[in-house]
PDB file of all heavy atoms in Angstrom:
ATOM      1  N   HIS A   1       0.853  -1.192   0.014  1.00  0.00           N
ATOM      2  CA  HIS A   1      -0.009  -0.004   0.008  1.00  0.00           C
ATOM      3  C   HIS A   1       0.876   1.265   0.012  1.00  0.00           C
ATOM      4  O   HIS A   1       0.659   2.180  -0.823  1.00  0.00           O
ATOM      5  CB  HIS A   1      -0.923  -0.008   1.217  1.00  0.00           C
ATOM      6  CG  HIS A   1      -1.860   1.135   1.316  1.00  0.00           C
ATOM      7  ND1 HIS A   1      -3.189   1.051   1.007  1.00  0.00           N
ATOM      8  CD2 HIS A   1      -1.658   2.431   1.686  1.00  0.00           C
ATOM      9  CE1 HIS A   1      -3.758   2.214   1.193  1.00  0.00           C
ATOM     10  NE2 HIS A   1      -2.844   3.085   1.599  1.00  0.00           N
ATOM     11  N   GLN A   2       1.862   1.295   0.865  1.00  0.00           N
ATOM     12  CA  GLN A   2       2.699   2.483   1.009  1.00  0.00           C
ATOM     13  C   GLN A   2       3.581   2.662  -0.210  1.00  0.00           C
ATOM     14  O   GLN A   2       3.788   3.783  -0.703  1.00  0.00           O
ATOM     15  CB  GLN A   2       3.565   2.388   2.298  1.00  0.00           C
ATOM     16  CG  GLN A   2       4.405   3.628   2.558  1.00  0.00           C
ATOM     17  CD  GLN A   2       3.590   4.884   2.612  1.00  0.00           C
ATOM     18  OE1 GLN A   2       2.601   4.940   3.325  1.00  0.00           O
ATOM     19  NE2 GLN A   2       3.997   5.877   1.848  1.00  0.00           N
ATOM     20  N   GLN A   3       4.151   1.559  -0.733  1.00  0.00           N
ATOM     21  CA  GLN A   3       4.984   1.659  -1.943  1.00  0.00           C
ATOM     22  C   GLN A   3       4.204   2.212  -3.114  1.00  0.00           C
ATOM     23  O   GLN A   3       4.728   3.007  -3.881  1.00  0.00           O
ATOM     24  CB  GLN A   3       5.557   0.278  -2.275  1.00  0.00           C
ATOM     25  CG  GLN A   3       6.622  -0.220  -1.360  1.00  0.00           C
ATOM     26  CD  GLN A   3       6.982  -1.657  -1.601  1.00  0.00           C
ATOM     27  OE1 GLN A   3       6.210  -2.424  -2.187  1.00  0.00           O
ATOM     28  NE2 GLN A   3       8.170  -2.081  -1.143  1.00  0.00           N
ATOM     29  N   ALA A   4       2.935   1.821  -3.256  1.00  0.00           N
ATOM     30  CA  ALA A   4       2.091   2.299  -4.332  1.00  0.00           C
ATOM     31  C   ALA A   4       1.897   3.808  -4.226  1.00  0.00           C
ATOM     32  O   ALA A   4       2.000   4.539  -5.214  1.00  0.00           O
ATOM     33  CB  ALA A   4       0.744   1.589  -4.327  1.00  0.00           C
ATOM     34  N   GLU A   5       1.597   4.280  -3.035  1.00  0.00           N
ATOM     35  CA  GLU A   5       1.391   5.735  -2.854  1.00  0.00           C
ATOM     36  C   GLU A   5       2.670   6.506  -3.050  1.00  0.00           C
ATOM     37  O   GLU A   5       2.691   7.605  -3.643  1.00  0.00           O
ATOM     38  CB  GLU A   5       0.806   5.981  -1.466  1.00  0.00           C
ATOM     39  CG  GLU A   5      -0.597   5.410  -1.274  1.00  0.00           C
ATOM     40  CD  GLU A   5      -1.377   6.124  -0.140  1.00  0.00           C
ATOM     41  OE1 GLU A   5      -0.721   6.801   0.665  1.00  0.00           O
ATOM     42  OE2 GLU A   5      -2.598   5.955  -0.096  1.00  0.00           O
ATOM     43  N   SER A   6       3.778   5.995  -2.556  1.00  0.00           N
ATOM     44  CA  SER A   6       5.066   6.685  -2.671  1.00  0.00           C
ATOM     45  C   SER A   6       5.462   6.865  -4.153  1.00  0.00           C
ATOM     46  O   SER A   6       6.116   7.843  -4.512  1.00  0.00           O
ATOM     47  CB  SER A   6       6.156   5.931  -1.953  1.00  0.00           C
ATOM     48  OG  SER A   6       5.917   5.916  -0.552  1.00  0.00           O
ATOM     49  N   LEU A   7       5.064   5.900  -4.990  1.00  0.00           N
ATOM     50  CA  LEU A   7       5.376   5.988  -6.411  1.00  0.00           C
ATOM     51  C   LEU A   7       4.831   7.290  -7.010  1.00  0.00           C
ATOM     52  O   LEU A   7       5.463   7.904  -7.881  1.00  0.00           O
ATOM     53  CB  LEU A   7       4.784   4.777  -7.116  1.00  0.00           C
ATOM     54  CG  LEU A   7       5.254   4.461  -8.551  1.00  0.00           C
ATOM     55  CD1 LEU A   7       6.725   4.299  -8.652  1.00  0.00           C
ATOM     56  CD2 LEU A   7       4.500   3.242  -9.079  1.00  0.00           C
ATOM     57  N   LEU A   8       3.677   7.696  -6.530  1.00  0.00           N
ATOM     58  CA  LEU A   8       3.003   8.907  -7.040  1.00  0.00           C
ATOM     59  C   LEU A   8       3.468  10.173  -6.299  1.00  0.00           C
ATOM     60  O   LEU A   8       3.737  11.194  -6.910  1.00  0.00           O
ATOM     61  CB  LEU A   8       1.498   8.770  -6.961  1.00  0.00           C
ATOM     62  CG  LEU A   8       0.888   7.639  -7.807  1.00  0.00           C
ATOM     63  CD1 LEU A   8      -0.569   7.450  -7.508  1.00  0.00           C
ATOM     64  CD2 LEU A   8       1.116   7.914  -9.300  1.00  0.00           C
ATOM     65  N   THR A   9       3.517  10.107  -4.999  1.00  0.00           N
ATOM     66  CA  THR A   9       3.883  11.283  -4.218  1.00  0.00           C
ATOM     67  C   THR A   9       5.346  11.711  -4.462  1.00  0.00           C
ATOM     68  O   THR A   9       5.670  12.884  -4.485  1.00  0.00           O
ATOM     69  CB  THR A   9       3.639  11.087  -2.714  1.00  0.00           C
ATOM     70  OG1 THR A   9       4.378   9.911  -2.269  1.00  0.00           O
ATOM     71  CG2 THR A   9       2.161  10.866  -2.414  1.00  0.00           C
ATOM     72  N   ASP A  10       6.216  10.739  -4.701  1.00  0.00           N
ATOM     73  CA  ASP A  10       7.604  11.038  -5.011  1.00  0.00           C
ATOM     74  C   ASP A  10       7.742  11.795  -6.322  1.00  0.00           C
ATOM     75  O   ASP A  10       8.742  12.487  -6.562  1.00  0.00           O
ATOM     76  CB  ASP A  10       8.439   9.783  -5.048  1.00  0.00           C
ATOM     77  CG  ASP A  10       8.680   9.157  -3.675  1.00  0.00           C
ATOM     78  OD1 ASP A  10       8.327   9.818  -2.676  1.00  0.00           O
ATOM     79  OD2 ASP A  10       9.179   8.030  -3.604  1.00  0.00           O
ATOM     80  N   ALA A  11       6.728  11.676  -7.194  1.00  0.00           N
ATOM     81  CA  ALA A  11       6.751  12.439  -8.457  1.00  0.00           C
ATOM     82  C   ALA A  11       6.055  13.747  -8.365  1.00  0.00           C
ATOM     83  O   ALA A  11       5.838  14.418  -9.379  1.00  0.00           O
ATOM     84  CB  ALA A  11       6.093  11.577  -9.560  1.00  0.00           C
ATOM     85  N   GLY A  12       5.686  14.135  -7.140  1.00  0.00           N
ATOM     86  CA  GLY A  12       5.061  15.436  -6.929  1.00  0.00           C
ATOM     87  C   GLY A  12       3.574  15.451  -7.126  1.00  0.00           C
ATOM     88  O   GLY A  12       2.959  16.547  -7.197  1.00  0.00           O
ATOM     89  N   LEU A  13       2.935  14.270  -7.233  1.00  0.00           N
ATOM     90  CA  LEU A  13       1.500  14.207  -7.430  1.00  0.00           C
ATOM     91  C   LEU A  13       0.770  14.112  -6.097  1.00  0.00           C
ATOM     92  O   LEU A  13       1.308  13.544  -5.102  1.00  0.00           O
ATOM     93  CB  LEU A  13       1.153  13.050  -8.326  1.00  0.00           C
ATOM     94  CG  LEU A  13       1.791  13.061  -9.737  1.00  0.00           C
ATOM     95  CD1 LEU A  13       1.438  11.772 -10.470  1.00  0.00           C
ATOM     96  CD2 LEU A  13       1.310  14.271 -10.511  1.00  0.00           C
ATOM     97  N   HIS A  14      -0.462  14.647  -6.055  1.00  0.00           N
ATOM     98  CA  HIS A  14      -1.276  14.615  -4.873  1.00  0.00           C
ATOM     99  C   HIS A  14      -2.336  13.529  -5.008  1.00  0.00           C
ATOM    100  O   HIS A  14      -3.121  13.548  -5.932  1.00  0.00           O
ATOM    101  CB  HIS A  14      -1.947  15.964  -4.632  1.00  0.00           C
ATOM    102  CG  HIS A  14      -2.901  15.957  -3.467  1.00  0.00           C
ATOM    103  ND1 HIS A  14      -2.518  15.746  -2.168  1.00  0.00           N
ATOM    104  CD2 HIS A  14      -4.234  16.151  -3.482  1.00  0.00           C
ATOM    105  CE1 HIS A  14      -3.580  15.821  -1.392  1.00  0.00           C
ATOM    106  NE2 HIS A  14      -4.635  16.068  -2.133  1.00  0.00           N
ATOM    107  N   ILE A  15      -2.347  12.530  -4.117  1.00  0.00           N
ATOM    108  CA  ILE A  15      -3.299  11.416  -4.219  1.00  0.00           C
ATOM    109  C   ILE A  15      -4.667  11.903  -3.784  1.00  0.00           C
ATOM    110  O   ILE A  15      -4.878  12.368  -2.641  1.00  0.00           O
ATOM    111  CB  ILE A  15      -2.793  10.230  -3.375  1.00  0.00           C
ATOM    112  CG1 ILE A  15      -1.507   9.692  -3.936  1.00  0.00           C
ATOM    113  CG2 ILE A  15      -3.867   9.140  -3.328  1.00  0.00           C
ATOM    114  CD1 ILE A  15      -0.845   8.598  -3.098  1.00  0.00           C
ATOM    115  N   LEU A  16      -5.630  11.707  -4.686  1.00  0.00           N
ATOM    116  CA  LEU A  16      -7.012  12.049  -4.388  1.00  0.00           C
ATOM    117  C   LEU A  16      -7.823  10.858  -3.898  1.00  0.00           C
ATOM    118  O   LEU A  16      -8.675  11.028  -3.010  1.00  0.00           O
ATOM    119  CB  LEU A  16      -7.691  12.612  -5.680  1.00  0.00           C
ATOM    120  CG  LEU A  16      -7.008  13.815  -6.330  1.00  0.00           C
ATOM    121  CD1 LEU A  16      -7.651  14.149  -7.643  1.00  0.00           C
ATOM    122  CD2 LEU A  16      -7.036  15.028  -5.391  1.00  0.00           C
ATOM    123  N   ARG A  17      -7.604   9.704  -4.474  1.00  0.00           N
ATOM    124  CA  ARG A  17      -8.309   8.482  -4.067  1.00  0.00           C
ATOM    125  C   ARG A  17      -7.373   7.292  -4.171  1.00  0.00           C
ATOM    126  O   ARG A  17      -6.577   7.171  -5.111  1.00  0.00           O
ATOM    127  CB  ARG A  17      -9.533   8.220  -4.935  1.00  0.00           C
ATOM    128  CG  ARG A  17     -10.616   9.266  -4.861  1.00  0.00           C
ATOM    129  CD  ARG A  17     -11.383   9.196  -3.552  1.00  0.00           C
ATOM    130  NE  ARG A  17     -12.414   8.164  -3.599  1.00  0.00           N
ATOM    131  CZ  ARG A  17     -12.415   7.059  -2.849  1.00  0.00           C
ATOM    132  NH1 ARG A  17     -11.401   6.775  -2.065  1.00  0.00           N
ATOM    133  NH2 ARG A  17     -13.442   6.220  -2.916  1.00  0.00           N
ATOM    134  N   HIS A  18      -7.416   6.462  -3.171  1.00  0.00           N
ATOM    135  CA  HIS A  18      -6.713   5.144  -3.196  1.00  0.00           C
ATOM    136  C   HIS A  18      -7.754   4.100  -2.897  1.00  0.00           C
ATOM    137  O   HIS A  18      -8.202   3.956  -1.766  1.00  0.00           O
ATOM    138  CB  HIS A  18      -5.581   5.126  -2.185  1.00  0.00           C
ATOM    139  CG  HIS A  18      -4.730   3.890  -2.277  1.00  0.00           C
ATOM    140  ND1 HIS A  18      -3.428   3.804  -1.807  1.00  0.00           N
ATOM    141  CD2 HIS A  18      -4.995   2.644  -2.803  1.00  0.00           C
ATOM    142  CE1 HIS A  18      -2.934   2.609  -2.032  1.00  0.00           C
ATOM    143  NE2 HIS A  18      -3.874   1.891  -2.628  1.00  0.00           N
ATOM    144  N   ILE A  19      -8.161   3.392  -3.937  1.00  0.00           N
ATOM    145  CA  ILE A  19      -9.244   2.425  -3.873  1.00  0.00           C
ATOM    146  C   ILE A  19      -8.666   1.012  -3.882  1.00  0.00           C
ATOM    147  O   ILE A  19      -7.847   0.683  -4.741  1.00  0.00           O
ATOM    148  CB  ILE A  19     -10.214   2.610  -5.035  1.00  0.00           C
ATOM    149  CG1 ILE A  19     -10.774   4.039  -5.046  1.00  0.00           C
ATOM    150  CG2 ILE A  19     -11.365   1.609  -4.956  1.00  0.00           C
ATOM    151  CD1 ILE A  19     -11.460   4.444  -6.339  1.00  0.00           C
ATOM    152  N   GLU A  20      -9.148   0.203  -2.986  1.00  0.00           N
ATOM    153  CA  GLU A  20      -8.691  -1.209  -2.956  1.00  0.00           C
ATOM    154  C   GLU A  20      -9.835  -2.063  -2.427  1.00  0.00           C
ATOM    155  O   GLU A  20     -10.730  -1.582  -1.671  1.00  0.00           O
ATOM    156  CB  GLU A  20      -7.472  -1.372  -2.038  1.00  0.00           C
ATOM    157  CG  GLU A  20      -7.663  -0.944  -0.598  1.00  0.00           C
ATOM    158  CD  GLU A  20      -6.390  -0.996   0.239  1.00  0.00           C
ATOM    159  OE1 GLU A  20      -5.298  -1.046  -0.364  1.00  0.00           O
ATOM    160  OE2 GLU A  20      -6.521  -0.948   1.468  1.00  0.00           O
ATOM    161  N   PRO A  21      -9.909  -3.357  -2.847  1.00  0.00           N
ATOM    162  CA  PRO A  21     -10.951  -4.240  -2.338  1.00  0.00           C
ATOM    163  C   PRO A  21     -10.637  -4.652  -0.887  1.00  0.00           C
ATOM    164  O   PRO A  21      -9.541  -4.344  -0.384  1.00  0.00           O
ATOM    165  CB  PRO A  21     -10.886  -5.417  -3.274  1.00  0.00           C
ATOM    166  CG  PRO A  21      -9.452  -5.451  -3.740  1.00  0.00           C
ATOM    167  CD  PRO A  21      -9.002  -4.017  -3.794  1.00  0.00           C
ATOM    168  N   GLU A  22     -11.537  -5.365  -0.285  1.00  0.00           N
ATOM    169  CA  GLU A  22     -11.345  -5.776   1.126  1.00  0.00           C
ATOM    170  C   GLU A  22     -10.140  -6.663   1.289  1.00  0.00           C
ATOM    171  O   GLU A  22      -9.437  -6.592   2.313  1.00  0.00           O
ATOM    172  CB  GLU A  22     -12.596  -6.516   1.634  1.00  0.00           C
ATOM    173  CG  GLU A  22     -13.781  -5.603   1.848  1.00  0.00           C
ATOM    174  CD  GLU A  22     -14.944  -6.342   2.506  1.00  0.00           C
ATOM    175  OE1 GLU A  22     -14.766  -7.526   2.910  1.00  0.00           O
ATOM    176  OE2 GLU A  22     -16.057  -5.784   2.568  1.00  0.00           O
ATOM    177  N   ASN A  23      -9.824  -7.472   0.305  1.00  0.00           N
ATOM    178  CA  ASN A  23      -8.661  -8.373   0.398  1.00  0.00           C
ATOM    179  C   ASN A  23      -7.344  -7.676   0.036  1.00  0.00           C
ATOM    180  O   ASN A  23      -6.281  -8.294   0.130  1.00  0.00           O
ATOM    181  CB  ASN A  23      -8.849  -9.614  -0.425  1.00  0.00           C
ATOM    182  CG  ASN A  23      -9.016  -9.322  -1.910  1.00  0.00           C
ATOM    183  OD1 ASN A  23      -8.735  -8.248  -2.431  1.00  0.00           O
ATOM    184  ND2 ASN A  23      -9.564 -10.305  -2.680  1.00  0.00           N
ATOM    185  N   ALA A  24      -7.425  -6.380  -0.373  1.00  0.00           N
ATOM    186  CA  ALA A  24      -6.232  -5.577  -0.693  1.00  0.00           C
ATOM    187  C   ALA A  24      -5.370  -6.236  -1.778  1.00  0.00           C
ATOM    188  O   ALA A  24      -4.132  -6.080  -1.764  1.00  0.00           O
ATOM    189  CB  ALA A  24      -5.426  -5.295   0.573  1.00  0.00           C
ATOM    190  N   TRP A  25      -5.966  -6.929  -2.724  1.00  0.00           N
ATOM    191  CA  TRP A  25      -5.210  -7.579  -3.777  1.00  0.00           C
ATOM    192  C   TRP A  25      -4.732  -6.602  -4.855  1.00  0.00           C
ATOM    193  O   TRP A  25      -3.814  -6.902  -5.590  1.00  0.00           O
ATOM    194  CB  TRP A  25      -6.064  -8.677  -4.455  1.00  0.00           C
ATOM    195  CG  TRP A  25      -6.109  -9.965  -3.689  1.00  0.00           C
ATOM    196  CD1 TRP A  25      -5.677 -10.181  -2.421  1.00  0.00           C
ATOM    197  CD2 TRP A  25      -6.668 -11.175  -4.164  1.00  0.00           C
ATOM    198  NE1 TRP A  25      -5.906 -11.469  -2.055  1.00  0.00           N
ATOM    199  CE2 TRP A  25      -6.511 -12.132  -3.098  1.00  0.00           C
ATOM    200  CE3 TRP A  25      -7.238 -11.596  -5.333  1.00  0.00           C
ATOM    201  CZ2 TRP A  25      -6.927 -13.459  -3.209  1.00  0.00           C
ATOM    202  CZ3 TRP A  25      -7.657 -12.922  -5.457  1.00  0.00           C
ATOM    203  CH2 TRP A  25      -7.503 -13.827  -4.400  1.00  0.00           C
TER     204      TRP A  25
END
């Protein structure tokens, strides 16, 4: 989860939504 978000924030982007199913697959 954190690696996915860092991929975007490290590029200077602001995360608006992070959607995942209950199993977080």
